[in-house]
Amino acid sequence: MAEALLRHRLEGRTVDVRVGSAGLRLVGERASAHGVDVLADRGIDMSAHRSRIFDRDLLEDADLAIAMSREHLREAVLALPDIWPRAFTLKELVRRGSAIGIRAPGESIDAWLSRAHAGRQRADLLGQSPDDDIDDPIGLPRSAYERTADELSGLIDHLVDLMWPAAAVESA
């Protein structure tokens, strides 16, 4: 859902971004029916989505890796330790981005991420935390998917406003 929501949020904006998603466990699986239905109600079609497992090559090509949980982030950092300065959970990146402020005109994404990364400790990857983890609704009723979509939508809107403030203004 996060990939589809981010794609939708950036659609028609003048940002040069490739958005993709990958997970830890399933390959070639369709998005859940509840997830497809919930996003369809928001005007987003993710019926063609198929899951894939992330790998080192995928991470090496990423300018930014956004995880839905610390578990996913840990796996990414273990697979490619050099990704640590540009890999965050979505909640963490929004929280840290809010603390440092929007990306300034002319500031590269790398520079903004470097500011967001400042002071992070790898020990912060340990365990689980509602401060960083988004609940996975898989196997739950549609209402759980709706709550997750609401949470993701709010976080993604905030992230886009922080990272691409001009694009956010242009679309208003």
C-alpha atoms as a PDB file:
ATOM      1  CA  MET A   1       0.000   0.000   0.000  1.00  0.00           C
ATOM      2  CA  ALA A   2       2.838   2.400   0.825  1.00  0.00           C
ATOM      3  CA  GLU A   3       4.335   2.122  -2.665  1.00  0.00           C
ATOM      4  CA  ALA A   4       0.984   2.810  -4.335  1.00  0.00           C
ATOM      5  CA  LEU A   5       0.200   5.712  -2.003  1.00  0.00           C
ATOM      6  CA  LEU A   6       3.612   7.327  -2.581  1.00  0.00           C
ATOM      7  CA  ARG A   7       3.349   6.888  -6.352  1.00  0.00           C
ATOM      8  CA  HIS A   8      -0.098   8.453  -6.259  1.00  0.00           C
ATOM      9  CA  ARG A   9       1.060  11.366  -4.088  1.00  0.00           C
ATOM     10  CA  LEU A  10       3.958  12.121  -6.454  1.00  0.00           C
ATOM     11  CA  GLU A  11       1.939  11.644  -9.640  1.00  0.00           C
ATOM     12  CA  GLY A  12       1.990  14.682 -11.899  1.00  0.00           C
ATOM     13  CA  ARG A  13       4.630  16.467  -9.858  1.00  0.00           C
ATOM     14  CA  THR A  14       7.973  17.600 -11.172  1.00  0.00           C
ATOM     15  CA  VAL A  15      10.116  15.250  -9.112  1.00  0.00           C
ATOM     16  CA  ASP A  16      12.536  12.716 -10.534  1.00  0.00           C
ATOM     17  CA  VAL A  17      11.749   9.700  -8.375  1.00  0.00           C
ATOM     18  CA  ARG A  18      11.465   5.973  -9.001  1.00  0.00           C
ATOM     19  CA  VAL A  19       9.299   4.227  -6.434  1.00  0.00           C
ATOM     20  CA  GLY A  20       9.398   0.497  -5.813  1.00  0.00           C
ATOM     21  CA  SER A  21       8.751  -1.901  -3.003  1.00  0.00           C
ATOM     22  CA  ALA A  22      10.113  -5.181  -1.772  1.00  0.00           C
ATOM     23  CA  GLY A  23       9.666  -7.272   1.316  1.00  0.00           C
ATOM     24  CA  LEU A  24      11.166 -10.168   3.196  1.00  0.00           C
ATOM     25  CA  ARG A  25       8.947 -13.157   2.628  1.00  0.00           C
ATOM     26  CA  LEU A  26       6.826 -13.462  -0.526  1.00  0.00           C
ATOM     27  CA  VAL A  27       7.584 -13.408  -4.256  1.00  0.00           C
ATOM     28  CA  GLY A  28       4.996 -12.904  -6.974  1.00  0.00           C
ATOM     29  CA  GLU A  29       2.009 -12.642  -4.653  1.00  0.00           C
ATOM     30  CA  ARG A  30      -0.873 -10.330  -5.477  1.00  0.00           C
ATOM     31  CA  ALA A  31      -1.747  -7.542  -3.093  1.00  0.00           C
ATOM     32  CA  SER A  32      -4.423  -8.601  -0.622  1.00  0.00           C
ATOM     33  CA  ALA A  33      -8.007  -8.112  -1.738  1.00  0.00           C
ATOM     34  CA  HIS A  34      -8.702  -5.784   1.189  1.00  0.00           C
ATOM     35  CA  GLY A  35      -5.658  -3.671   0.344  1.00  0.00           C
ATOM     36  CA  VAL A  36      -6.656  -3.434  -3.316  1.00  0.00           C
ATOM     37  CA  ASP A  37     -10.243  -2.522  -2.383  1.00  0.00           C
ATOM     38  CA  VAL A  38      -9.271   0.084   0.221  1.00  0.00           C
ATOM     39  CA  LEU A  39      -6.948   1.862  -2.199  1.00  0.00           C
ATOM     40  CA  ALA A  40      -9.452   1.561  -5.053  1.00  0.00           C
ATOM     41  CA  ASP A  41     -11.885   3.491  -2.869  1.00  0.00           C
ATOM     42  CA  ARG A  42      -9.215   6.237  -2.802  1.00  0.00           C
ATOM     43  CA  GLY A  43      -8.818   6.214  -6.572  1.00  0.00           C
ATOM     44  CA  ILE A  44      -5.597   4.178  -6.565  1.00  0.00           C
ATOM     45  CA  ASP A  45      -5.285   0.999  -8.604  1.00  0.00           C
ATOM     46  CA  MET A  46      -2.789  -1.488  -7.211  1.00  0.00           C
ATOM     47  CA  SER A  47      -4.383  -4.585  -8.696  1.00  0.00           C
ATOM     48  CA  ALA A  48      -1.297  -5.266 -10.855  1.00  0.00           C
ATOM     49  CA  HIS A  49       1.055  -5.253  -7.841  1.00  0.00           C
ATOM     50  CA  ARG A  50       3.153  -8.374  -7.277  1.00  0.00           C
ATOM     51  CA  SER A  51       5.405  -8.833  -4.281  1.00  0.00           C
ATOM     52  CA  ARG A  52       9.127  -9.297  -4.489  1.00  0.00           C
ATOM     53  CA  ILE A  53      11.903  -9.922  -2.001  1.00  0.00           C
ATOM     54  CA  PHE A  54      14.507  -7.226  -1.613  1.00  0.00           C
ATOM     55  CA  ASP A  55      18.116  -8.063  -2.287  1.00  0.00           C
ATOM     56  CA  ARG A  56      21.475  -6.383  -2.089  1.00  0.00           C
ATOM     57  CA  ASP A  57      21.359  -5.235  -5.740  1.00  0.00           C
ATOM     58  CA  LEU A  58      18.023  -3.518  -5.239  1.00  0.00           C
ATOM     59  CA  LEU A  59      19.361  -1.721  -2.169  1.00  0.00           C
ATOM     60  CA  GLU A  60      22.582  -0.648  -3.892  1.00  0.00           C
ATOM     61  CA  ASP A  61      20.547   1.203  -6.510  1.00  0.00           C
ATOM     62  CA  ALA A  62      18.383   2.979  -3.928  1.00  0.00           C
ATOM     63  CA  ASP A  63      18.987   6.610  -3.008  1.00  0.00           C
ATOM     64  CA  LEU A  64      16.584   6.083  -0.114  1.00  0.00           C
ATOM     65  CA  ALA A  65      15.190   2.923   1.450  1.00  0.00           C
ATOM     66  CA  ILE A  66      12.038   3.297   3.515  1.00  0.00           C
ATOM     67  CA  ALA A  67      10.998   0.393   5.728  1.00  0.00           C
ATOM     68  CA  MET A  68       7.661  -0.190   7.394  1.00  0.00           C
ATOM     69  CA  SER A  69       9.258  -1.668  10.518  1.00  0.00           C
ATOM     70  CA  ARG A  70      12.541  -1.944  12.365  1.00  0.00           C
ATOM     71  CA  GLU A  71      12.669  -5.611  11.348  1.00  0.00           C
ATOM     72  CA  HIS A  72      12.697  -4.646   7.673  1.00  0.00           C
ATOM     73  CA  LEU A  73      15.234  -1.899   8.312  1.00  0.00           C
ATOM     74  CA  ARG A  74      17.522  -4.293  10.212  1.00  0.00           C
ATOM     75  CA  GLU A  75      17.431  -6.759   7.330  1.00  0.00           C
ATOM     76  CA  ALA A  76      18.289  -4.031   4.838  1.00  0.00           C
ATOM     77  CA  VAL A  77      21.222  -2.795   6.919  1.00  0.00           C
ATOM     78  CA  LEU A  78      22.471  -6.355   7.419  1.00  0.00           C
ATOM     79  CA  ALA A  79      22.264  -7.036   3.678  1.00  0.00           C
ATOM     80  CA  LEU A  80      24.016  -3.776   2.771  1.00  0.00           C
ATOM     81  CA  PRO A  81      25.636  -1.989   5.739  1.00  0.00           C
ATOM     82  CA  ASP A  82      26.441   1.066   3.589  1.00  0.00           C
ATOM     83  CA  ILE A  83      22.721   1.819   3.236  1.00  0.00           C
ATOM     84  CA  TRP A  84      22.413   2.792   6.919  1.00  0.00           C
ATOM     85  CA  PRO A  85      22.671   6.589   6.361  1.00  0.00           C
ATOM     86  CA  ARG A  86      19.899   6.478   3.746  1.00  0.00           C
ATOM     87  CA  ALA A  87      17.586   3.822   5.203  1.00  0.00           C
ATOM     88  CA  PHE A  88      14.854   4.640   7.714  1.00  0.00           C
ATOM     89  CA  THR A  89      11.494   3.411   8.818  1.00  0.00           C
ATOM     90  CA  LEU A  90       8.793   5.652   7.400  1.00  0.00           C
ATOM     91  CA  LYS A  91       7.787   6.845  10.856  1.00  0.00           C
ATOM     92  CA  GLU A  92      11.415   7.551  11.801  1.00  0.00           C
ATOM     93  CA  LEU A  93      12.092   9.534   8.631  1.00  0.00           C
ATOM     94  CA  VAL A  94       8.967  11.639   9.071  1.00  0.00           C
ATOM     95  CA  ARG A  95       9.831  12.224  12.746  1.00  0.00           C
ATOM     96  CA  ARG A  96      13.458  13.146  12.019  1.00  0.00           C
ATOM     97  CA  GLY A  97      12.473  15.148   8.952  1.00  0.00           C
ATOM     98  CA  SER A  98       9.994  17.138  11.006  1.00  0.00           C
ATOM     99  CA  ALA A  99      12.748  17.874  13.519  1.00  0.00           C
ATOM    100  CA  ILE A 100      15.219  19.161  10.886  1.00  0.00           C
ATOM    101  CA  GLY A 101      12.664  20.883   8.671  1.00  0.00           C
ATOM    102  CA  ILE A 102      11.870  20.796   4.996  1.00  0.00           C
ATOM    103  CA  ARG A 103      14.530  20.261   2.365  1.00  0.00           C
ATOM    104  CA  ALA A 104      15.847  23.698   1.504  1.00  0.00           C
ATOM    105  CA  PRO A 105      15.835  25.033  -2.059  1.00  0.00           C
ATOM    106  CA  GLY A 106      18.919  23.660  -3.803  1.00  0.00           C
ATOM    107  CA  GLU A 107      19.593  21.122  -1.030  1.00  0.00           C
ATOM    108  CA  SER A 108      20.160  17.645  -2.403  1.00  0.00           C
ATOM    109  CA  ILE A 109      18.187  14.720  -1.093  1.00  0.00           C
ATOM    110  CA  ASP A 110      21.505  13.203   0.043  1.00  0.00           C
ATOM    111  CA  ALA A 111      22.287  16.308   2.103  1.00  0.00           C
ATOM    112  CA  TRP A 112      18.802  16.362   3.638  1.00  0.00           C
ATOM    113  CA  LEU A 113      19.039  12.642   4.467  1.00  0.00           C
ATOM    114  CA  SER A 114      22.465  13.235   6.007  1.00  0.00           C
ATOM    115  CA  ARG A 115      20.936  15.828   8.311  1.00  0.00           C
ATOM    116  CA  ALA A 116      18.092  13.451   9.151  1.00  0.00           C
ATOM    117  CA  HIS A 117      20.595  10.662   9.847  1.00  0.00           C
ATOM    118  CA  ALA A 118      22.711  12.738  12.264  1.00  0.00           C
ATOM    119  CA  GLY A 119      22.854  11.213  15.737  1.00  0.00           C
ATOM    120  CA  ARG A 120      21.280   7.869  14.837  1.00  0.00           C
ATOM    121  CA  GLN A 121      22.599   4.788  16.586  1.00  0.00           C
ATOM    122  CA  ARG A 122      22.502   1.292  15.139  1.00  0.00           C
ATOM    123  CA  ALA A 123      21.244   0.120  18.526  1.00  0.00           C
ATOM    124  CA  ASP A 124      18.005   1.944  17.667  1.00  0.00           C
ATOM    125  CA  LEU A 125      17.332  -0.920  15.254  1.00  0.00           C
ATOM    126  CA  LEU A 126      16.856  -3.396  18.086  1.00  0.00           C
ATOM    127  CA  GLY A 127      13.439  -4.674  19.016  1.00  0.00           C
ATOM    128  CA  GLN A 128      10.108  -3.345  17.886  1.00  0.00           C
ATOM    129  CA  SER A 129       8.515  -0.019  18.657  1.00  0.00           C
ATOM    130  CA  PRO A 130       5.199   1.628  17.866  1.00  0.00           C
ATOM    131  CA  ASP A 131       7.317   4.767  17.361  1.00  0.00           C
ATOM    132  CA  ASP A 132       8.849   3.138  14.262  1.00  0.00           C
ATOM    133  CA  ASP A 133       6.710   0.172  13.219  1.00  0.00           C
ATOM    134  CA  ILE A 134       3.562   0.263  11.114  1.00  0.00           C
ATOM    135  CA  ASP A 135       1.226  -2.621  11.889  1.00  0.00           C
ATOM    136  CA  ASP A 136       0.881  -5.066   9.003  1.00  0.00           C
ATOM    137  CA  PRO A 137      -2.832  -5.708   8.388  1.00  0.00           C
ATOM    138  CA  ILE A 138      -2.275  -8.985   6.499  1.00  0.00           C
ATOM    139  CA  GLY A 139      -4.942 -11.507   7.471  1.00  0.00           C
ATOM    140  CA  LEU A 140      -6.998  -8.934   9.357  1.00  0.00           C
ATOM    141  CA  PRO A 141     -10.401  -7.494   8.462  1.00  0.00           C
ATOM    142  CA  ARG A 142     -10.867  -4.657   5.997  1.00  0.00           C
ATOM    143  CA  SER A 143     -11.083  -2.137   8.858  1.00  0.00           C
ATOM    144  CA  ALA A 144      -7.418  -2.864   9.700  1.00  0.00           C
ATOM    145  CA  TYR A 145      -6.449  -2.112   6.099  1.00  0.00           C
ATOM    146  CA  GLU A 146      -8.393   1.134   6.255  1.00  0.00           C
ATOM    147  CA  ARG A 147      -6.551   2.160   9.440  1.00  0.00           C
ATOM    148  CA  THR A 148      -3.204   1.244   7.889  1.00  0.00           C
ATOM    149  CA  ALA A 149      -4.016   3.127   4.682  1.00  0.00           C
ATOM    150  CA  ASP A 150      -5.007   6.186   6.741  1.00  0.00           C
ATOM    151  CA  GLU A 151      -1.774   6.015   8.731  1.00  0.00           C
ATOM    152  CA  LEU A 152       0.383   5.492   5.636  1.00  0.00           C
ATOM    153  CA  SER A 153      -1.379   8.243   3.729  1.00  0.00           C
ATOM    154  CA  GLY A 154      -0.776  10.772   6.500  1.00  0.00           C
ATOM    155  CA  LEU A 155       2.878   9.801   6.876  1.00  0.00           C
ATOM    156  CA  ILE A 156       3.510   9.844   3.129  1.00  0.00           C
ATOM    157  CA  ASP A 157       1.821  13.220   2.719  1.00  0.00           C
ATOM    158  CA  HIS A 158       4.047  14.598   5.467  1.00  0.00           C
ATOM    159  CA  LEU A 159       7.175  13.019   3.958  1.00  0.00           C
ATOM    160  CA  VAL A 160       6.447  14.459   0.512  1.00  0.00           C
ATOM    161  CA  ASP A 161       5.888  17.892   2.044  1.00  0.00           C
ATOM    162  CA  LEU A 162       9.265  17.611   3.798  1.00  0.00           C
ATOM    163  CA  MET A 163      11.332  16.198   0.940  1.00  0.00           C
ATOM    164  CA  TRP A 164       9.695  17.934  -2.020  1.00  0.00           C
ATOM    165  CA  PRO A 165       8.175  21.121  -0.589  1.00  0.00           C
ATOM    166  CA  ALA A 166       8.021  22.878  -3.977  1.00  0.00           C
ATOM    167  CA  ALA A 167       6.154  19.900  -5.462  1.00  0.00           C
ATOM    168  CA  ALA A 168       3.767  19.977  -2.509  1.00  0.00           C
ATOM    169  CA  VAL A 169       3.086  23.683  -3.096  1.00  0.00           C
ATOM    170  CA  GLU A 170       2.681  23.229  -6.858  1.00  0.00           C
ATOM    171  CA  SER A 171      -0.028  20.628  -6.327  1.00  0.00           C
ATOM    172  CA  ALA A 172      -2.051  22.637  -3.830  1.00  0.00           C
END
